[in-house]
Structures are given as C-alpha cells and as structure tokens.
Amino acid sequence: MKRQFKLEEISAIINDFAELGSLAPTALYLGGTKSMVIQGEPGAVIRGKKGPGGVTVKKTNQALIIGTYDEPMTPGQCNMIVERLGYYLIDQGL
C-alpha cells in the first residue's frame, strides 16, 4: 500500500536519530498513522508497532529506508529486509 509521508513526520524521525529517544514520548507518525516506538538500534534503526503491523526505519549515510508491514509479515521479517538493505547501502557509501 502506498503511503504519503509528511515532511514533519520525516523531520521527527531524522531528529530522533540525532537526539535519541525524542520520538518515544510522542510516538512515531508515518502517513498519519501513529505507532508506538519500540526498541531499535540507537542512532541507526527506529522501530514502531501498531496492532498487527508496524514500521522499521534504517538510517544510511544518505537515506532513510522505511519499511511498513501488516500480518502475515512479522516484525522480524520487516526488520531483516530493511536493515540488510540499509547495511548494503552503507557498504556502498550511500
């Protein structure tokens, strides 16, 4: 499903990578959908959960890789795909 992300949503994500934990009190918003922030990799990965779905955001040198999922995909599957792509891009200098 295609989602439209708002500039303020992306800005809040970028800010959380710089100021760890800034999203936790307010939640993670993407495409107007509110997700609870759950454990991630400080400064590198943000994860959010909403009901049976969620989001994984991986920061590279030049991009944010954003993956969203709903059942039957599991959080672990989404995390693995997004993070592997992110690490590949980092290895390529991107």
Protein backbone atom coordinates (compact mmCIF):
# COMPACT_ATOMS: atom_id res chain seq x y z
CA MET A 1 0.00 0.00 0.00
CA LYS A 2 1.37 3.40 -0.99
CA ARG A 3 1.53 5.93 1.86
CA GLN A 4 2.10 9.66 1.73
CA PHE A 5 4.62 10.76 4.34
CA LYS A 6 4.53 14.31 5.67
CA LEU A 7 7.63 16.49 5.96
CA GLU A 8 7.11 16.92 9.72
CA GLU A 9 6.95 13.12 10.14
CA ILE A 10 10.28 12.63 8.35
CA SER A 11 11.80 15.57 10.25
CA ALA A 12 10.78 13.97 13.57
CA ILE A 13 12.44 10.70 12.53
CA ILE A 14 15.65 12.45 11.49
CA ASN A 15 15.60 14.34 14.79
CA ASP A 16 15.28 11.08 16.74
CA PHE A 17 18.44 9.75 15.09
CA ALA A 18 20.24 12.90 16.29
CA GLU A 19 18.51 13.17 19.69
CA LEU A 20 17.94 9.58 20.80
CA GLY A 21 14.57 8.94 22.38
CA SER A 22 12.86 12.12 21.16
CA LEU A 23 10.07 10.11 19.47
CA ALA A 24 9.30 7.83 22.42
CA PRO A 25 7.12 10.32 24.37
CA THR A 26 5.13 11.47 21.30
CA ALA A 27 5.07 8.30 19.15
CA LEU A 28 6.20 7.67 15.59
CA TYR A 29 3.94 9.03 12.85
CA LEU A 30 4.17 7.94 9.21
CA GLY A 31 1.48 8.67 6.68
CA GLY A 32 -0.70 9.92 9.51
CA THR A 33 -0.53 6.55 11.27
CA LYS A 34 0.61 6.63 14.90
CA SER A 35 2.88 3.81 16.07
CA MET A 36 4.36 3.14 19.49
CA VAL A 37 8.16 3.38 19.39
CA ILE A 38 9.81 0.12 20.42
CA GLN A 39 13.43 -0.94 20.83
CA GLY A 40 15.75 -0.26 17.95
CA GLU A 41 19.44 0.34 17.37
CA PRO A 42 20.28 3.79 18.81
CA GLY A 43 21.25 6.20 16.05
CA ALA A 44 20.71 3.60 13.31
CA VAL A 45 17.27 1.90 13.50
CA ILE A 46 13.86 3.01 14.75
CA ARG A 47 11.02 0.51 15.11
CA GLY A 48 7.35 1.20 15.63
CA LYS A 49 4.38 -1.04 16.36
CA LYS A 50 0.64 -0.56 15.84
CA GLY A 51 -1.64 -3.55 16.32
CA PRO A 52 -0.63 -6.39 13.98
CA GLY A 53 1.56 -4.06 11.89
CA GLY A 54 4.42 -1.69 12.27
CA VAL A 55 7.37 0.10 10.74
CA THR A 56 11.16 -0.19 10.60
CA VAL A 57 13.35 2.79 9.68
CA LYS A 58 17.07 2.33 8.93
CA LYS A 59 19.37 5.33 8.54
CA THR A 60 22.19 5.21 5.99
CA ASN A 61 24.71 7.89 5.08
CA GLN A 62 22.36 9.49 2.53
CA ALA A 63 18.91 7.93 3.01
CA LEU A 64 16.21 6.63 5.28
CA ILE A 65 14.97 3.15 4.38
CA ILE A 66 11.36 2.84 5.55
CA GLY A 67 9.55 -0.48 5.62
CA THR A 68 5.97 -0.94 6.80
CA TYR A 69 4.26 -4.26 7.41
CA ASP A 70 0.98 -5.89 8.36
CA GLU A 71 0.14 -9.52 9.03
CA PRO A 72 1.05 -12.06 7.80
CA MET A 73 4.52 -10.46 7.64
CA THR A 74 6.24 -10.49 11.02
CA PRO A 75 8.22 -7.66 12.63
CA GLY A 76 11.38 -9.76 12.34
CA GLN A 77 10.93 -10.21 8.59
CA CYS A 78 10.46 -6.48 8.04
CA ASN A 79 13.42 -5.64 10.29
CA MET A 80 15.69 -8.08 8.46
CA ILE A 81 14.80 -6.80 4.97
CA VAL A 82 15.04 -3.09 5.82
CA GLU A 83 18.23 -3.43 7.85
CA ARG A 84 20.01 -5.62 5.28
CA LEU A 85 19.18 -3.13 2.54
CA GLY A 86 20.41 -0.32 4.77
CA TYR A 87 23.70 -2.06 5.56
CA TYR A 88 24.19 -2.81 1.85
CA LEU A 89 23.74 0.88 1.01
CA ILE A 90 26.12 1.89 3.81
CA ASP A 91 28.71 -0.55 2.43
CA GLN A 92 28.28 1.15 -0.96
CA GLY A 93 28.93 4.56 0.63
CA LEU A 94 25.34 5.67 0.30
